[in-house]
Every structure is written in C-alpha cells, then in structure tokens.
Amino acid sequence: MWSAASALPAGPGEREDDVFPIRERIRLRDNFGLALLELRARNAEFQRLGKGPWALFIGVAVHWQGNAEAWPSQDTLSRFSGWSTRAVRDQADSLERAGFIRVRHERRPDGSVRIFYAPGLVTLAALADFVERFPRDRAKALRTEVPSPRTVAPTANHPPENHAGGPPESASGELREKDQIKPSSCDAPAVGAPNDVKEEQAAPVTGEDRDLARIALGERMTRKHPTRPAPRYFDAGDVTLVAACASALDGDRGEKMLALRDAIGGAFLASKEGPPTVRFIWGKLEHFLDHLERGRRRRLADERLRASHNDPARAPSPQSAPAAESAVSHVQMKADLERLFGPGWRVPTGAPPR
C-alpha cells in the first residue's frame, strides 16, 4: 500500500518508527511562520520558554523541512542563534529536558558523531493542536448578501433617495441645482450637499499644471542634489500630487510657478530630517499651503535685505569718510606729540604742520 511518508525525503539515519506524523510535518513546512506564531502565542509551555532556548528551537525547526529529524551542526546552530557552541549544547539539553525536542547521537564511520534533533512530546502536541485549529479544508464563513439599494422598490416609508446613500447626480454624472432636489417625505437630512461642495471646490488638473509639476519636481531634485543633473522623467504619482496642488492655486503660469518654488523653499526650512520628500511638500493641500506661506515670507525677507544692501541712499558717501579722521581735536594731537617727543616740543619754524 502506498504511504505518504515514502514521498518525503528521508534524512540519513532516520528511524522507521518515528513519531512525527506526516500531517504535522507537512503543515509545519508549508506554514512555518504561522505555526511558530501560534506555538508561541497559545501554548503555555512555549510561552514560558526563554529567549535563548526559543532561538535555538527555531534554528532546529527550520531544518526539519518535512523530515522526521534534522541534523544541523552545532556551528550552524551557533551562527543561526547567535550563541556559542557551548551555549548551543546547554540550550539543547534544556530543550530536551523540557520535552520540546528529542536528541539522538549517531557515530559515523570516520569516528565523528552526528546529532539528530526531532520534535519532543510538547512540540508534537502543540503542532497537532495547530493543525486542528487551522485545517486546510476549513470552510470559509459565508457573508450575508445585502441587496443593492438600487434593487429595492421605493415605498412610502423608504423613498429611493435614502437608499441611494448619495446624491442622485453622483450616479448619473449630471449635476443638478440644489433647489431641484426635493426633500424626502421622512424628513431625513439632505445628503447631497457635502458632495456638491466637494465637486464645486475640486479644480480640474490641466496640462499646464502637469508641466509646472515636472518643473517643480526637477527644481526639488536640483536643490537636493546640486551636483547632479535633474532627471527628465518623474513618477506619475508624484506628478499627479504636485499638479493637484498647482491646480488649487490662483493666477497665471508665472504666479503658480513662484508659489511652487516658495513651497519648496518653505519645506526645506521645515524639514528636520534631511531634504523633504515629495509627499512631505505636496502630500496634503493644507501642508503644501503651509510650506508656501513659510517660503513666501522667507523670500520677501531676502528681497528686502538685498534691496537694503543695494540702496545708494543708505551706503556711506565718499565725503563722509574723512570725518572719522578729523574726530581727534588739536589739543589731543598736541598732547600726543609732547608725550612722543618730550615736553616743550614745538613744530619747527618754517616747516608746515602736518
């Protein structure tokens, strides 16, 4: 009779009377992550397991791979768990004493000893419980079918407006005047007003807005990497974000471009963790407007500072420069000369004073 266990690879030295059932072996191999999560979260013995033994148990379990036993070397388990080989032996002994694994030693022809690891009774019971809770052929819960609002026949108590969940014009795509929407007989609040406001406030994105968006993205990259050339193509999602913000601005092409530059400058001032990203600048309209206002104030302040430096009325005139030289009086000059050449010093006769 054909046995499913014969289809799995048998490890060297694997015993014929192994007690690792084929069902648990396959499920652990196919759902390894979920199985470990459930063992750690639901089984009391695994919850009490320390970090060191738990790391070694994962290192052993990952080598089973559908076999009844695993035979990783202690060096391999040491690299996997981060423990020394001596600690690996100690942790394996504690796992074996607690019933998580079974350890078997086999001497090879060359004199070396190979260590085989198999699941212990605690692990086998936990895996069997996992397979019972998560069977492969478990039927999915059926969802109750809710009839579509459009298929419900209108009655006196439930007019079609309330079942639609939205304004009538949203389904047909045609806008209607607010005064044409008649209130329902059940005195329910009108539901079409908020959507109407959003449709009126939403500005269409034009081709010019997309062109400005690409220019703004290029200037952001140039400011982020001054030594690199700006890319010629950008992500379509980024272009859409920037174009949506540009469409919300008033003014002509130049004014919109200036506003986008102000937003870039304001975002670079506000970003504290390196150059700002595209979503940091244009991800939300209110954030974009904050960056725009911050950058505009900085730009105007820089323009005023440059104007004050370039204003000739405020620059010192050449005639006012010698005034500093004549600030020393003649009496002070005479006292300094007497202190330098001695008391009673006078300017020689016939020599013009300097």
Protein backbone atom coordinates (compact mmCIF):
# COMPACT_ATOMS: atom_id res chain seq x y z
CA MET A 1 0.00 0.00 0.00
CA TRP A 2 1.32 3.44 -0.91
CA SER A 3 2.35 5.57 2.07
CA ALA A 4 2.55 9.35 2.01
CA ALA A 5 5.60 9.21 4.24
CA SER A 6 7.55 7.48 1.47
CA ALA A 7 7.10 10.57 -0.74
CA LEU A 8 9.01 12.77 1.69
CA PRO A 9 12.81 12.87 1.72
CA ALA A 10 14.24 10.69 4.44
CA GLY A 11 17.17 12.00 6.38
CA PRO A 12 20.31 9.97 6.96
CA GLY A 13 19.82 7.66 9.90
CA GLU A 14 16.12 8.44 10.11
CA ARG A 15 14.31 5.79 12.12
CA GLU A 16 11.42 3.81 10.76
CA ASP A 17 9.42 4.16 13.94
CA ASP A 18 9.46 7.96 14.06
CA VAL A 19 6.51 9.57 15.81
CA PHE A 20 6.47 12.82 13.80
CA PRO A 21 3.15 12.43 11.91
CA ILE A 22 3.13 13.21 8.24
CA ARG A 23 0.29 15.73 8.64
CA GLU A 24 2.17 17.86 11.16
CA ARG A 25 5.40 17.60 9.18
CA ILE A 26 3.84 18.97 6.01
CA ARG A 27 1.90 21.72 7.75
CA LEU A 28 4.97 22.90 9.66
CA ARG A 29 6.91 23.00 6.39
CA ASP A 30 4.22 24.86 4.44
CA ASN A 31 3.09 27.26 7.21
CA PHE A 32 6.27 27.65 9.20
CA GLY A 33 5.82 31.27 10.26
CA LEU A 34 2.18 30.89 11.27
CA ALA A 35 2.94 27.69 13.14
CA LEU A 36 5.71 29.32 15.20
CA LEU A 37 3.49 32.30 15.93
CA GLU A 38 0.67 30.09 17.17
CA LEU A 39 3.01 27.90 19.26
CA ARG A 40 4.47 30.96 20.98
CA ALA A 41 1.15 32.73 21.48
CA ARG A 42 -1.18 29.90 22.54
CA ASN A 43 0.89 27.15 24.15
CA ALA A 44 1.72 27.70 27.83
CA GLU A 45 4.98 25.73 27.69
CA PHE A 46 6.24 27.74 24.72
CA GLN A 47 5.24 31.00 26.40
CA ARG A 48 7.44 30.16 29.39
CA LEU A 49 10.38 29.35 27.14
CA GLY A 50 13.28 31.81 27.43
CA LYS A 51 14.78 33.78 24.57
CA GLY A 52 17.87 31.59 24.25
CA PRO A 53 16.08 28.22 24.06
CA TRP A 54 13.41 29.72 21.81
CA ALA A 55 16.05 30.96 19.34
CA LEU A 56 17.67 27.53 19.30
CA PHE A 57 14.30 25.83 18.82
CA ILE A 58 13.63 27.99 15.74
CA GLY A 59 17.10 27.11 14.42
CA VAL A 60 16.35 23.41 14.78
CA ALA A 61 12.77 23.61 13.46
CA VAL A 62 13.78 25.47 10.33
CA HIS A 63 15.97 22.49 9.37
CA TRP A 64 13.22 19.87 9.64
CA GLN A 65 11.73 20.79 6.23
CA GLY A 66 9.31 17.88 6.21
CA ASN A 67 11.78 15.36 7.65
CA ALA A 68 11.23 13.49 10.88
CA GLU A 69 14.64 14.62 12.14
CA ALA A 70 17.09 17.41 11.44
CA TRP A 71 20.88 17.18 11.65
CA PRO A 72 22.34 20.73 11.57
CA SER A 73 25.82 21.03 13.01
CA GLN A 74 26.44 22.91 16.22
CA ASP A 75 28.38 25.54 14.28
CA THR A 76 25.32 26.09 12.08
CA LEU A 77 23.03 26.44 15.09
CA SER A 78 25.57 28.75 16.70
CA ARG A 79 25.57 31.08 13.69
CA PHE A 80 21.77 30.98 13.48
CA SER A 81 21.02 31.67 17.17
CA GLY A 82 23.98 33.92 17.95
CA TRP A 83 25.13 31.68 20.83
CA SER A 84 28.45 29.92 21.25
CA THR A 85 28.71 26.20 20.57
CA ARG A 86 28.92 25.57 24.30
CA ALA A 87 25.74 27.58 24.84
CA VAL A 88 24.08 25.65 21.99
CA ARG A 89 24.77 22.37 23.79
CA ASP A 90 23.43 23.76 27.06
CA GLN A 91 20.28 25.15 25.42
CA ALA A 92 19.70 21.86 23.58
CA ASP A 93 19.95 19.97 26.86
CA SER A 94 17.36 22.28 28.45
CA LEU A 95 15.02 21.87 25.46
CA GLU A 96 15.36 18.10 25.64
CA ARG A 97 14.68 18.00 29.38
CA ALA A 98 11.55 20.16 28.93
CA GLY A 99 10.21 17.90 26.16
CA PHE A 100 10.50 20.34 23.24
CA ILE A 101 12.98 18.26 21.23
CA ARG A 102 14.45 14.76 21.23
CA VAL A 103 18.20 14.41 20.66
CA ARG A 104 19.87 11.32 19.21
CA HIS A 105 23.62 10.78 18.68
CA GLU A 106 24.98 8.55 15.93
CA ARG A 107 28.63 7.69 15.45
CA ARG A 108 29.77 7.80 11.84
CA PRO A 109 32.36 5.55 10.15
CA ASP A 110 35.02 8.26 10.33
CA GLY A 111 34.69 8.42 14.11
CA SER A 112 32.71 11.68 14.27
CA VAL A 113 29.33 11.96 15.95
CA ARG A 114 26.25 13.32 14.20
CA ILE A 115 23.46 14.78 16.32
CA PHE A 116 19.85 14.33 15.20
CA TYR A 117 17.03 16.55 16.50
CA ALA A 118 13.36 15.52 16.45
CA PRO A 119 10.25 17.18 17.93
CA GLY A 120 9.52 16.34 21.57
CA LEU A 121 6.17 15.49 23.07
CA VAL A 122 5.38 19.12 23.91
CA THR A 123 6.07 20.22 20.33
CA LEU A 124 4.10 17.34 18.82
CA ALA A 125 1.05 18.13 20.98
CA ALA A 126 1.25 21.84 20.12
CA LEU A 127 1.57 21.10 16.38
CA ALA A 128 -1.40 18.73 16.48
CA ASP A 129 -3.46 21.43 18.16
CA PHE A 130 -2.31 23.92 15.49
CA VAL A 131 -3.38 21.61 12.66
CA GLU A 132 -6.78 21.09 14.28
CA ARG A 133 -7.36 24.83 14.63
CA PHE A 134 -6.23 25.58 11.07
CA PRO A 135 -7.31 22.69 8.83
CA ARG A 136 -6.61 23.08 5.13
CA ASP A 137 -10.18 22.29 4.12
CA ARG A 138 -11.88 24.53 6.66
CA ALA A 139 -14.97 26.11 5.17
CA LYS A 140 -14.99 29.86 4.98
CA ALA A 141 -17.70 31.85 6.67
CA LEU A 142 -20.43 32.87 4.28
CA ARG A 143 -21.19 36.55 4.02
CA THR A 144 -24.76 37.65 4.14
CA GLU A 145 -25.79 39.11 0.83
CA VAL A 146 -27.11 42.63 1.26
CA PRO A 147 -29.48 43.66 -1.51
CA SER A 148 -28.30 46.56 -3.58
CA PRO A 149 -30.04 49.83 -2.76
CA ARG A 150 -30.95 50.28 -6.41
CA THR A 151 -32.89 47.00 -6.49
CA VAL A 152 -35.18 47.90 -3.56
CA ALA A 153 -38.55 49.04 -4.71
CA PRO A 154 -39.46 52.52 -3.37
CA THR A 155 -42.16 52.63 -0.74
CA ALA A 156 -43.83 55.35 1.25
CA ASN A 157 -41.55 54.82 4.24
CA HIS A 158 -38.35 54.32 2.25
CA PRO A 159 -38.04 56.66 -0.70
CA PRO A 160 -35.26 55.96 -3.22
CA GLU A 161 -33.20 58.98 -2.12
CA ASN A 162 -32.41 57.48 1.27
CA HIS A 163 -31.47 54.07 -0.16
CA ALA A 164 -29.06 55.51 -2.67
CA GLY A 165 -26.66 56.76 0.03
CA GLY A 166 -25.57 59.66 -2.16
CA PRO A 167 -26.96 62.41 -4.36
CA PRO A 168 -28.86 61.30 -7.48
CA GLU A 169 -26.47 63.20 -9.69
CA SER A 170 -23.49 61.15 -8.47
CA ALA A 171 -24.88 58.03 -10.16
CA SER A 172 -25.69 59.63 -13.48
CA GLY A 173 -22.75 62.01 -13.60
CA GLU A 174 -25.01 65.01 -14.29
CA LEU A 175 -25.02 67.94 -11.91
CA ARG A 176 -28.31 69.31 -10.67
CA GLU A 177 -29.17 72.53 -8.97
CA LYS A 178 -29.68 72.32 -5.23
CA ASP A 179 -33.13 73.85 -5.44
CA GLN A 180 -34.25 70.99 -7.72
CA ILE A 181 -33.56 68.35 -5.05
CA LYS A 182 -36.83 67.83 -3.24
CA PRO A 183 -36.70 66.82 0.42
CA SER A 184 -37.74 63.30 1.39
CA SER A 185 -41.10 62.59 2.97
CA CYS A 186 -39.39 61.03 6.01
CA ASP A 187 -37.76 64.37 6.96
CA ALA A 188 -34.25 62.95 6.58
CA PRO A 189 -31.41 65.45 6.19
CA ALA A 190 -30.25 66.07 2.67
CA VAL A 191 -27.20 64.03 1.77
CA GLY A 192 -26.30 65.71 -1.50
CA ALA A 193 -24.91 68.96 -0.12
CA PRO A 194 -21.42 67.79 1.01
CA ASN A 195 -20.68 66.06 -2.27
CA ASP A 196 -21.88 69.10 -4.19
CA VAL A 197 -19.47 71.30 -2.24
CA LYS A 198 -16.56 68.94 -2.99
CA GLU A 199 -17.43 68.89 -6.68
CA GLU A 200 -17.59 72.66 -6.78
CA GLN A 201 -14.27 73.07 -4.92
CA ALA A 202 -12.32 70.47 -6.90
CA ALA A 203 -10.34 72.23 -9.63
CA PRO A 204 -9.56 70.32 -12.82
CA VAL A 205 -5.91 69.46 -13.42
CA THR A 206 -4.76 70.85 -16.75
CA GLY A 207 -1.79 70.06 -18.92
CA GLU A 208 -0.16 73.29 -17.78
CA ASP A 209 -0.43 72.13 -14.16
CA ARG A 210 1.37 68.91 -15.07
CA ASP A 211 4.12 70.84 -16.85
CA LEU A 212 4.59 73.04 -13.79
CA ALA A 213 4.63 69.92 -11.62
CA ARG A 214 7.50 68.42 -13.62
CA ILE A 215 9.46 71.68 -13.40
CA ALA A 216 8.88 71.85 -9.64
CA LEU A 217 9.98 68.24 -9.18
CA GLY A 218 13.12 68.96 -11.17
CA GLU A 219 13.93 72.01 -9.03
CA ARG A 220 13.44 69.97 -5.88
CA MET A 221 15.89 67.36 -7.14
CA THR A 222 18.37 70.06 -8.14
CA ARG A 223 18.18 71.59 -4.69
CA LYS A 224 18.52 68.16 -3.08
CA HIS A 225 21.48 67.13 -5.28
CA PRO A 226 23.13 70.33 -6.58
CA THR A 227 25.92 68.44 -8.39
CA ARG A 228 23.62 66.08 -10.28
CA PRO A 229 21.55 66.91 -13.36
CA ALA A 230 17.81 66.92 -12.84
CA PRO A 231 16.05 63.81 -14.17
CA ARG A 232 13.96 64.11 -17.31
CA TYR A 233 11.16 61.80 -16.18
CA PHE A 234 9.32 61.53 -12.89
CA ASP A 235 6.93 59.13 -11.24
CA ALA A 236 3.36 59.56 -12.47
CA GLY A 237 2.03 59.56 -8.91
CA ASP A 238 4.39 62.37 -7.89
CA VAL A 239 3.40 64.43 -10.92
CA THR A 240 -0.27 63.95 -10.04
CA LEU A 241 0.31 65.12 -6.44
CA VAL A 242 2.12 68.29 -7.48
CA ALA A 243 -0.32 69.03 -10.32
CA ALA A 244 -3.28 68.74 -7.92
CA CYS A 245 -1.71 71.36 -5.64
CA ALA A 246 -0.89 73.60 -8.61
CA SER A 247 -4.49 73.40 -9.83
CA ALA A 248 -5.69 74.73 -6.45
CA LEU A 249 -3.67 77.94 -6.91
CA ASP A 250 -4.94 81.13 -8.49
CA GLY A 251 -3.03 83.16 -11.02
CA ASP A 252 -1.21 82.65 -14.27
CA ARG A 253 1.64 80.28 -15.05
CA GLY A 254 4.32 82.52 -13.56
CA GLU A 255 2.46 83.08 -10.32
CA LYS A 256 1.82 79.36 -9.89
CA MET A 257 5.46 78.55 -10.57
CA LEU A 258 6.55 81.12 -7.98
CA ALA A 259 4.18 79.59 -5.45
CA LEU A 260 5.57 76.11 -6.12
CA ARG A 261 9.12 77.42 -5.62
CA ASP A 262 8.07 79.09 -2.36
CA ALA A 263 6.60 75.79 -1.18
CA ILE A 264 9.88 74.01 -1.95
CA GLY A 265 11.84 76.62 -0.03
CA GLY A 266 9.45 76.51 2.90
CA ALA A 267 9.61 72.72 3.03
CA PHE A 268 13.42 72.78 3.10
CA LEU A 269 13.21 75.19 6.04
CA ALA A 270 10.71 73.00 7.90
CA SER A 271 12.27 69.59 7.24
CA LYS A 272 14.47 68.50 10.14
CA GLU A 273 15.49 65.07 8.83
CA GLY A 274 17.23 65.87 5.58
CA PRO A 275 15.79 67.13 2.29
CA PRO A 276 11.97 66.96 2.17
CA THR A 277 10.27 64.28 0.14
CA VAL A 278 7.62 64.82 -2.49
CA ARG A 279 4.85 63.73 -0.14
CA PHE A 280 6.21 65.99 2.61
CA ILE A 281 5.77 69.01 0.34
CA TRP A 282 2.71 68.16 -1.75
CA GLY A 283 1.13 65.15 0.01
CA LYS A 284 -1.68 67.23 1.52
CA LEU A 285 -3.03 70.54 0.33
CA GLU A 286 -3.00 72.14 3.80
CA HIS A 287 0.65 71.16 4.31
CA PHE A 288 1.51 72.49 0.87
CA LEU A 289 -0.09 75.84 1.72
CA ASP A 290 1.85 75.99 4.99
CA HIS A 291 5.12 75.42 3.13
CA LEU A 292 4.11 78.02 0.56
CA GLU A 293 3.46 80.69 3.20
CA ARG A 294 6.69 79.91 5.03
CA GLY A 295 8.73 80.06 1.84
CA ARG A 296 6.99 83.25 0.68
CA ARG A 297 7.87 85.04 3.93
CA ARG A 298 11.47 83.95 3.64
CA ARG A 299 11.68 85.06 0.01
CA LEU A 300 10.25 88.51 0.80
CA ALA A 301 12.65 88.94 3.72
CA ASP A 302 15.62 88.06 1.48
CA GLU A 303 14.40 90.53 -1.15
CA ARG A 304 14.17 93.32 1.43
CA LEU A 305 17.66 92.51 2.67
CA ARG A 306 19.12 92.64 -0.83
CA ALA A 307 17.29 95.90 -1.53
CA SER A 308 18.76 97.48 1.60
CA HIS A 309 22.28 96.45 0.55
CA ASN A 310 21.81 97.80 -2.98
CA ASP A 311 20.17 101.13 -1.89
CA PRO A 312 22.66 104.01 -2.61
CA ALA A 313 20.92 106.28 -0.09
CA ARG A 314 21.99 104.00 2.73
CA ALA A 315 25.53 103.40 1.52
CA PRO A 316 28.28 105.64 3.08
CA SER A 317 29.32 108.53 0.77
CA PRO A 318 32.98 109.30 -0.03
CA GLN A 319 32.64 112.79 1.54
CA SER A 320 31.71 111.36 4.90
CA ALA A 321 34.78 109.12 5.09
CA PRO A 322 37.36 111.78 6.19
CA ALA A 323 35.09 112.84 9.05
CA ALA A 324 36.40 109.94 11.10
CA GLU A 325 39.96 111.20 10.65
CA SER A 326 39.12 114.68 11.99
CA ALA A 327 37.46 113.32 15.06
CA VAL A 328 40.74 113.93 17.09
CA SER A 329 41.00 117.52 18.32
CA HIS A 330 44.17 119.68 18.01
CA VAL A 331 44.64 119.72 21.77
CA GLN A 332 44.67 115.93 21.91
CA MET A 333 47.04 115.81 18.94
CA LYS A 334 49.45 118.26 20.69
CA ALA A 335 49.38 116.23 23.88
CA ASP A 336 50.17 113.08 21.96
CA LEU A 337 53.13 114.74 20.22
CA GLU A 338 54.56 116.03 23.53
CA ARG A 339 54.24 112.58 25.02
CA LEU A 340 56.08 111.19 21.99
CA PHE A 341 58.91 113.78 21.58
CA GLY A 342 59.07 115.16 25.12
CA PRO A 343 57.61 118.21 26.90
CA GLY A 344 58.17 121.59 25.29
CA TRP A 345 58.29 120.15 21.79
CA ARG A 346 57.16 122.61 19.15
CA VAL A 347 56.74 122.49 15.46
CA PRO A 348 59.95 123.79 13.82
CA THR A 349 59.61 127.28 12.31
CA GLY A 350 59.27 127.35 8.56
CA ALA A 351 58.02 123.76 8.34
CA PRO A 352 54.35 123.46 7.51
CA PRO A 353 52.48 121.48 10.17
CA ARG A 354 51.22 118.16 9.06
